[in-house]
Amino acid sequence: MNSTEQAPTAVVPTSSTHSLGERLTQWLGGGWVLLFLVALLAFFTITQPGRFATGYNLSTLAVDAAILLVLAVGQTYVIITAGIDLSVGSVLVFASVVGTQVMLALSGADGATYGTTDAGWAVIAIGTLASILAGLLFGVINGLLVSYARIPALIVTLGTMGIALGVAQLLTNGQDVRAVPQILVDHVGNGAVAGIPVLVVIALAVALVAGIILHRTRFGRWVFAVGSSSEAARRSGVPLRAQIIKVYALAGGLAGLAAVMSVARFSTTTIGGHTADNLATISAVVLGGTSLFGGIGSILGTVIGVFIPIVLLNGFVITGIPPFWQTVAMGAVLILAVYVDQLKRRNRILS
């Protein structure tokens, strides 16, 4: 950005000399993500009439997006600071194991049964707190290693991704915890408020609060400052290390909340069901306009971006495409998202 300020005489090309990449970047600067999402919805609606655009399936899409959105909100904060968190899916699994085992211990139920515990809201509240704290623990560890040990975030979170999943499997001998309080499943996993699924309400509330904090508070300004230039942020008085730790802790805590939402949704810990969450959240965040280079991003963009991987995966299931192609598609979406980010960054520098 400083290079732009130091070169006032730079010649900006006219529209007739813009390269294809530059013209594409200008289009991408608008509402391209929303257009792409609409195109996906239209494609699956046309190719799968009576199956995709049904009330039940659209509700399923919204609920699935809700869990991913809570994860992606934390990822948004991390990426704005020019970091990355590959551990969110594994931390979700670990936190779900901790939370459900706490609920089981307090209710005295058999972990081999399915959704049969009669635990009340007090037990659920304690289990939820345990889950969030478990996520916070890994978030703080990530932040400490990134800020104090100066280990690249990619390496740190790749390591904690394996550790969190491994510990979760050790705690359960690799078996899902299937005994979940019935009222959690009924009132949170399957419940609704004014016709809107409770999980969606929770996710929207998280996104709203996170958006206000990011764009209207000093903490949010510091997040952008760290991502724009960590050295400049430090010199201007931002407590750099503490800020990084708080951001990763936030991502971990939200992974803990998403864990409870996942347990309520599926009535189990789904240990093997979140391997692609890190890929999905990064894709959603970058597609939503947050730059991998840091300093730029918004929660609103993430809300829109979250639906792209969700719609893709849901559409593939309905069309009968084998599951391994879902991973291929997610990888392609991530590459597209990063390419778009690079084009936009290049255009900002040139302009």
Protein backbone atom coordinates (compact mmCIF):
# COMPACT_ATOMS: atom_id res chain seq x y z
CA MET A 1 0.00 0.00 0.00
CA ASN A 2 2.89 2.34 0.76
CA SER A 3 4.17 1.88 -2.79
CA THR A 4 0.96 3.42 -4.05
CA GLU A 5 1.44 6.48 -1.88
CA GLN A 6 5.06 6.88 -2.99
CA ALA A 7 4.30 6.73 -6.69
CA PRO A 8 1.76 9.44 -7.47
CA THR A 9 3.03 9.69 -11.04
CA ALA A 10 2.24 6.10 -11.87
CA VAL A 11 0.18 5.83 -15.04
CA VAL A 12 -3.10 4.05 -14.63
CA PRO A 13 -3.99 2.16 -17.79
CA THR A 14 -7.15 3.08 -19.57
CA SER A 15 -9.96 0.62 -19.95
CA SER A 16 -8.83 -0.18 -23.48
CA THR A 17 -5.47 -1.43 -22.20
CA HIS A 18 -6.75 -3.46 -19.27
CA SER A 19 -5.71 -7.08 -19.38
CA LEU A 20 -8.25 -9.85 -19.07
CA GLY A 21 -7.09 -10.43 -15.50
CA GLU A 22 -7.62 -6.76 -14.61
CA ARG A 23 -11.10 -6.67 -16.14
CA LEU A 24 -11.93 -9.89 -14.30
CA THR A 25 -10.66 -8.38 -11.07
CA GLN A 26 -12.93 -5.34 -11.49
CA TRP A 27 -15.90 -7.63 -11.88
CA LEU A 28 -14.79 -9.70 -8.90
CA GLY A 29 -14.68 -6.54 -6.82
CA GLY A 30 -18.47 -6.45 -6.94
CA GLY A 31 -21.06 -8.99 -5.99
CA TRP A 32 -19.56 -11.89 -7.91
CA VAL A 33 -19.80 -14.29 -4.95
CA LEU A 34 -23.52 -13.72 -4.66
CA LEU A 35 -23.92 -14.18 -8.43
CA PHE A 36 -21.91 -17.40 -8.30
CA LEU A 37 -24.07 -18.66 -5.44
CA VAL A 38 -27.25 -17.84 -7.35
CA ALA A 39 -25.85 -19.66 -10.39
CA LEU A 40 -25.14 -22.76 -8.28
CA LEU A 41 -28.64 -22.69 -6.81
CA ALA A 42 -30.15 -22.30 -10.27
CA PHE A 43 -28.04 -25.13 -11.70
CA PHE A 44 -29.01 -27.68 -9.07
CA THR A 45 -32.64 -26.52 -9.11
CA ILE A 46 -32.85 -27.06 -12.88
CA THR A 47 -30.91 -30.32 -12.99
CA GLN A 48 -32.64 -31.80 -9.94
CA PRO A 49 -36.25 -30.57 -10.13
CA GLY A 50 -38.35 -31.50 -7.14
CA ARG A 51 -35.31 -32.63 -5.16
CA PHE A 52 -33.03 -29.66 -4.58
CA ALA A 53 -35.35 -26.65 -4.20
CA THR A 54 -37.62 -28.23 -1.61
CA GLY A 55 -38.48 -26.79 1.76
CA TYR A 56 -36.80 -29.66 3.56
CA ASN A 57 -33.58 -29.49 1.55
CA LEU A 58 -33.31 -25.71 1.79
CA SER A 59 -33.78 -25.98 5.54
CA THR A 60 -31.04 -28.62 5.59
CA LEU A 61 -28.78 -26.27 3.64
CA ALA A 62 -29.38 -23.46 6.13
CA VAL A 63 -28.68 -25.68 9.14
CA ASP A 64 -25.52 -27.15 7.62
CA ALA A 65 -24.37 -23.64 6.72
CA ALA A 66 -25.04 -22.50 10.29
CA ILE A 67 -22.46 -24.84 11.78
CA LEU A 68 -19.89 -23.95 9.13
CA LEU A 69 -20.61 -20.23 9.54
CA VAL A 70 -19.72 -20.27 13.23
CA LEU A 71 -16.40 -21.89 12.35
CA ALA A 72 -15.85 -19.49 9.45
CA VAL A 73 -16.43 -16.41 11.61
CA GLY A 74 -13.44 -17.37 13.73
CA GLN A 75 -11.45 -18.18 10.61
CA THR A 76 -12.29 -14.73 9.25
CA TYR A 77 -10.68 -13.02 12.22
CA VAL A 78 -7.59 -15.21 11.92
CA ILE A 79 -7.14 -14.66 8.18
CA ILE A 80 -7.62 -10.89 8.50
CA THR A 81 -4.56 -10.92 10.78
CA ALA A 82 -2.69 -12.67 7.91
CA GLY A 83 -2.83 -15.96 9.78
CA ILE A 84 -4.59 -19.23 9.08
CA ASP A 85 -6.16 -21.96 11.21
CA LEU A 86 -6.14 -25.49 9.81
CA SER A 87 -7.17 -26.98 13.13
CA VAL A 88 -10.78 -25.77 13.38
CA GLY A 89 -12.35 -29.06 12.26
CA SER A 90 -10.26 -31.18 14.61
CA VAL A 91 -10.78 -28.74 17.48
CA LEU A 92 -14.52 -29.02 16.85
CA VAL A 93 -14.24 -32.81 17.17
CA PHE A 94 -12.15 -32.58 20.35
CA ALA A 95 -14.49 -30.04 21.90
CA SER A 96 -17.55 -32.15 21.03
CA VAL A 97 -15.97 -35.16 22.75
CA VAL A 98 -15.15 -33.13 25.86
CA GLY A 99 -18.59 -31.55 26.00
CA THR A 100 -20.55 -34.78 25.52
CA GLN A 101 -18.38 -36.69 28.00
CA VAL A 102 -18.99 -34.00 30.60
CA MET A 103 -22.73 -34.26 29.95
CA LEU A 104 -22.50 -38.04 30.22
CA ALA A 105 -20.57 -37.88 33.47
CA LEU A 106 -23.12 -35.53 35.00
CA SER A 107 -26.13 -37.52 33.78
CA GLY A 108 -24.71 -41.00 34.41
CA ALA A 109 -25.86 -42.30 31.02
CA ASP A 110 -24.34 -45.11 28.98
CA GLY A 111 -22.21 -43.74 26.17
CA ALA A 112 -23.26 -46.54 23.81
CA THR A 113 -26.89 -45.45 23.67
CA TYR A 114 -28.41 -43.08 21.12
CA GLY A 115 -29.93 -39.82 22.33
CA THR A 116 -31.52 -41.37 25.38
CA THR A 117 -30.15 -39.28 28.24
CA ASP A 118 -32.64 -37.26 30.24
CA ALA A 119 -30.12 -34.61 31.26
CA GLY A 120 -31.58 -31.17 31.85
CA TRP A 121 -30.54 -27.72 30.73
CA ALA A 122 -28.13 -27.28 33.65
CA VAL A 123 -26.12 -30.30 32.50
CA ILE A 124 -26.25 -29.06 28.90
CA ALA A 125 -25.04 -25.61 29.98
CA ILE A 126 -22.06 -27.11 31.82
CA GLY A 127 -21.26 -29.37 28.88
CA THR A 128 -21.49 -26.43 26.50
CA LEU A 129 -19.13 -24.41 28.67
CA ALA A 130 -16.70 -27.35 28.77
CA SER A 131 -16.84 -27.61 24.99
CA ILE A 132 -16.14 -23.90 24.50
CA LEU A 133 -13.29 -24.00 27.02
CA ALA A 134 -11.80 -27.02 25.24
CA GLY A 135 -11.85 -25.05 22.01
CA LEU A 136 -10.38 -22.01 23.75
CA LEU A 137 -7.54 -24.16 25.05
CA PHE A 138 -6.41 -25.12 21.57
CA GLY A 139 -6.96 -21.58 20.33
CA VAL A 140 -4.71 -20.18 23.04
CA ILE A 141 -2.07 -22.82 22.28
CA ASN A 142 -2.17 -21.84 18.61
CA GLY A 143 -1.89 -18.16 19.48
CA LEU A 144 1.00 -18.67 21.90
CA LEU A 145 3.00 -20.71 19.41
CA VAL A 146 2.38 -18.23 16.60
CA SER A 147 3.06 -15.07 18.63
CA TYR A 148 5.80 -16.15 21.05
CA ALA A 149 7.50 -19.13 19.42
CA ARG A 150 7.26 -17.38 16.03
CA ILE A 151 6.29 -20.64 14.33
CA PRO A 152 4.32 -20.06 11.10
CA ALA A 153 0.58 -20.38 11.65
CA LEU A 154 0.35 -22.96 8.87
CA ILE A 155 2.73 -25.30 10.72
CA VAL A 156 1.29 -24.63 14.17
CA THR A 157 -2.31 -25.30 13.21
CA LEU A 158 -1.36 -28.26 11.04
CA GLY A 159 0.24 -29.76 14.14
CA THR A 160 -2.64 -28.96 16.48
CA MET A 161 -5.05 -30.31 13.88
CA GLY A 162 -3.47 -33.74 14.31
CA ILE A 163 -3.13 -33.39 18.07
CA ALA A 164 -6.77 -32.39 18.65
CA LEU A 165 -8.13 -35.22 16.52
CA GLY A 166 -5.72 -37.72 18.04
CA VAL A 167 -6.63 -36.77 21.61
CA ALA A 168 -10.34 -36.98 20.75
CA GLN A 169 -9.82 -40.50 19.43
CA LEU A 170 -7.79 -41.47 22.49
CA LEU A 171 -10.55 -40.25 24.80
CA THR A 172 -13.17 -42.33 23.00
CA ASN A 173 -11.08 -45.23 21.65
CA GLY A 174 -11.97 -43.97 18.20
CA GLN A 175 -15.70 -44.44 18.79
CA ASP A 176 -18.29 -41.67 18.62
CA VAL A 177 -20.08 -40.64 21.79
CA ARG A 178 -23.69 -41.28 20.90
CA ALA A 179 -25.55 -40.54 24.12
CA VAL A 180 -26.75 -36.96 23.81
CA PRO A 181 -29.36 -35.17 25.95
CA GLN A 182 -32.67 -35.56 24.18
CA ILE A 183 -33.78 -32.00 24.87
CA LEU A 184 -30.59 -30.72 23.24
CA VAL A 185 -31.46 -32.61 20.07
CA ASP A 186 -35.15 -31.72 20.17
CA HIS A 187 -34.93 -28.04 21.09
CA VAL A 188 -31.60 -27.00 19.56
CA GLY A 189 -30.75 -29.52 16.86
CA ASN A 190 -34.29 -29.81 15.51
CA GLY A 191 -35.99 -26.84 17.15
CA ALA A 192 -37.16 -23.63 15.51
CA VAL A 193 -38.00 -20.07 16.50
CA ALA A 194 -40.74 -18.46 14.41
CA GLY A 195 -40.10 -21.11 11.77
CA ILE A 196 -36.33 -20.47 11.69
CA PRO A 197 -34.12 -23.36 12.88
CA VAL A 198 -32.51 -22.63 16.24
CA LEU A 199 -29.07 -23.47 14.85
CA VAL A 200 -29.53 -20.82 12.17
CA VAL A 201 -30.60 -18.28 14.80
CA ILE A 202 -27.47 -19.05 16.83
CA ALA A 203 -25.21 -18.72 13.78
CA LEU A 204 -26.76 -15.43 12.69
CA ALA A 205 -26.42 -14.06 16.23
CA VAL A 206 -22.75 -15.05 16.29
CA ALA A 207 -22.18 -13.44 12.88
CA LEU A 208 -23.98 -10.24 13.92
CA VAL A 209 -22.02 -9.84 17.15
CA ALA A 210 -18.74 -10.73 15.41
CA GLY A 211 -19.46 -8.21 12.66
CA ILE A 212 -20.14 -5.44 15.16
CA ILE A 213 -16.96 -6.24 17.08
CA LEU A 214 -14.88 -6.41 13.91
CA HIS A 215 -16.11 -3.17 12.37
CA ARG A 216 -17.17 -1.04 15.34
CA THR A 217 -14.70 -1.66 18.16
CA ARG A 218 -11.04 -1.05 18.95
CA PHE A 219 -10.46 -4.80 19.06
CA GLY A 220 -11.69 -5.06 15.49
CA ARG A 221 -9.54 -2.15 14.35
CA TRP A 222 -6.54 -3.85 15.89
CA VAL A 223 -7.36 -7.06 14.01
CA PHE A 224 -7.18 -5.16 10.73
CA ALA A 225 -4.06 -3.31 11.86
CA VAL A 226 -2.20 -6.53 12.63
CA GLY A 227 -3.09 -7.94 9.23
CA SER A 228 -2.19 -4.78 7.33
CA SER A 229 1.24 -4.42 8.93
CA SER A 230 2.16 -6.12 12.17
CA GLU A 231 5.22 -3.92 12.64
CA ALA A 232 3.25 -0.72 12.09
CA ALA A 233 0.58 -2.00 14.48
CA ARG A 234 3.20 -2.70 17.14
CA ARG A 235 4.71 0.77 16.77
CA SER A 236 1.29 2.37 17.08
CA GLY A 237 0.71 0.69 20.43
CA VAL A 238 -1.21 -2.45 19.50
CA PRO A 239 -0.31 -5.29 21.93
CA LEU A 240 0.66 -7.53 19.03
CA ARG A 241 1.20 -10.84 20.81
CA ALA A 242 -1.86 -10.50 23.01
CA GLN A 243 -4.00 -9.58 20.01
CA ILE A 244 -2.87 -12.62 18.04
CA ILE A 245 -3.54 -14.90 21.01
CA LYS A 246 -7.03 -13.42 21.44
CA VAL A 247 -7.86 -13.93 17.77
CA TYR A 248 -6.83 -17.58 17.78
CA ALA A 249 -8.60 -18.08 21.10
CA LEU A 250 -11.75 -16.64 19.53
CA ALA A 251 -11.47 -19.09 16.64
CA GLY A 252 -11.02 -21.95 19.10
CA GLY A 253 -13.92 -20.88 21.28
CA LEU A 254 -16.22 -20.64 18.27
CA ALA A 255 -15.09 -24.12 17.22
CA GLY A 256 -16.21 -25.24 20.68
CA LEU A 257 -19.61 -23.63 20.18
CA ALA A 258 -19.89 -25.20 16.73
CA ALA A 259 -19.11 -28.53 18.37
CA VAL A 260 -22.22 -28.29 20.56
CA MET A 261 -24.27 -27.28 17.53
CA SER A 262 -22.94 -30.30 15.62
CA VAL A 263 -23.75 -32.66 18.49
CA ALA A 264 -27.27 -31.23 18.70
CA ARG A 265 -27.66 -31.60 14.94
CA PHE A 266 -26.37 -35.15 14.53
CA SER A 267 -26.96 -36.61 18.01
CA THR A 268 -23.34 -37.80 18.08
CA THR A 269 -19.80 -36.45 18.07
CA THR A 270 -19.16 -37.36 14.39
CA ILE A 271 -15.41 -37.84 14.90
CA GLY A 272 -14.83 -38.65 11.23
CA GLY A 273 -17.23 -36.06 9.85
CA HIS A 274 -15.23 -32.84 10.00
CA THR A 275 -12.05 -33.61 8.08
CA ALA A 276 -12.87 -31.08 5.35
CA ASP A 277 -14.05 -28.28 7.64
CA ASN A 278 -10.73 -26.44 7.49
CA LEU A 279 -10.82 -26.48 3.69
CA ALA A 280 -14.47 -25.40 3.65
CA THR A 281 -13.98 -22.52 6.08
CA ILE A 282 -10.92 -21.14 4.30
CA SER A 283 -12.72 -21.37 0.96
CA ALA A 284 -15.79 -19.64 2.36
CA VAL A 285 -13.80 -16.85 4.00
CA VAL A 286 -11.64 -16.11 0.96
CA LEU A 287 -14.58 -16.37 -1.43
CA GLY A 288 -16.33 -13.86 0.82
CA GLY A 289 -13.63 -11.29 0.11
CA THR A 290 -11.23 -11.72 3.02
CA SER A 291 -7.65 -11.54 1.79
CA LEU A 292 -5.17 -14.28 2.65
CA PHE A 293 -2.57 -11.52 2.76
CA GLY A 294 -4.38 -9.92 5.71
CA GLY A 295 -5.88 -6.54 6.47
CA ILE A 296 -9.07 -6.96 4.42
CA GLY A 297 -12.28 -8.83 5.15
CA SER A 298 -15.84 -8.75 6.42
CA ILE A 299 -18.26 -11.02 8.23
CA LEU A 300 -21.01 -10.29 5.69
CA GLY A 301 -18.81 -11.61 2.90
CA THR A 302 -18.14 -14.73 4.93
CA VAL A 303 -21.88 -15.28 5.46
CA ILE A 304 -22.36 -15.33 1.68
CA GLY A 305 -19.20 -17.32 1.03
CA VAL A 306 -20.20 -20.07 3.47
CA PHE A 307 -23.10 -21.14 1.29
CA ILE A 308 -20.93 -21.96 -1.74
CA PRO A 309 -19.22 -25.07 -0.30
CA ILE A 310 -22.45 -26.07 1.44
CA VAL A 311 -24.51 -25.84 -1.77
CA LEU A 312 -21.80 -27.68 -3.70
CA LEU A 313 -21.66 -30.58 -1.26
CA ASN A 314 -25.43 -30.77 -0.92
CA GLY A 315 -25.91 -30.66 -4.67
CA PHE A 316 -23.37 -33.43 -5.19
CA VAL A 317 -25.14 -35.66 -2.69
CA ILE A 318 -28.51 -35.13 -4.39
CA THR A 319 -27.09 -35.77 -7.87
CA GLY A 320 -25.41 -38.97 -6.67
CA ILE A 321 -21.85 -37.84 -7.35
CA PRO A 322 -19.39 -40.07 -5.42
CA PRO A 323 -18.15 -38.52 -2.14
CA PHE A 324 -14.50 -38.27 -3.23
CA TRP A 325 -15.50 -35.83 -5.96
CA GLN A 326 -16.77 -33.52 -3.24
CA THR A 327 -13.22 -33.13 -1.95
CA VAL A 328 -11.98 -32.49 -5.49
CA ALA A 329 -14.58 -29.75 -5.94
CA MET A 330 -13.71 -28.16 -2.60
CA GLY A 331 -10.04 -28.09 -3.56
CA ALA A 332 -10.90 -26.46 -6.88
CA VAL A 333 -13.06 -23.86 -5.12
CA LEU A 334 -10.20 -23.07 -2.75
CA ILE A 335 -7.76 -22.62 -5.65
CA LEU A 336 -10.29 -20.33 -7.35
CA ALA A 337 -10.69 -18.34 -4.16
CA VAL A 338 -6.94 -17.85 -3.76
CA TYR A 339 -6.56 -16.91 -7.43
CA VAL A 340 -9.31 -14.33 -7.06
CA ASP A 341 -7.61 -12.97 -3.95
CA GLN A 342 -4.32 -12.59 -5.81
CA LEU A 343 -6.00 -10.80 -8.72
CA LYS A 344 -7.72 -8.37 -6.38
CA ARG A 345 -4.51 -7.69 -4.48
CA ARG A 346 -2.57 -7.14 -7.71
CA ASN A 347 -5.24 -4.72 -8.92
CA ARG A 348 -5.13 -2.77 -5.64
CA ILE A 349 -1.35 -2.42 -5.92
CA LEU A 350 -1.46 -1.34 -9.58
CA SER A 351 -4.23 1.17 -8.99
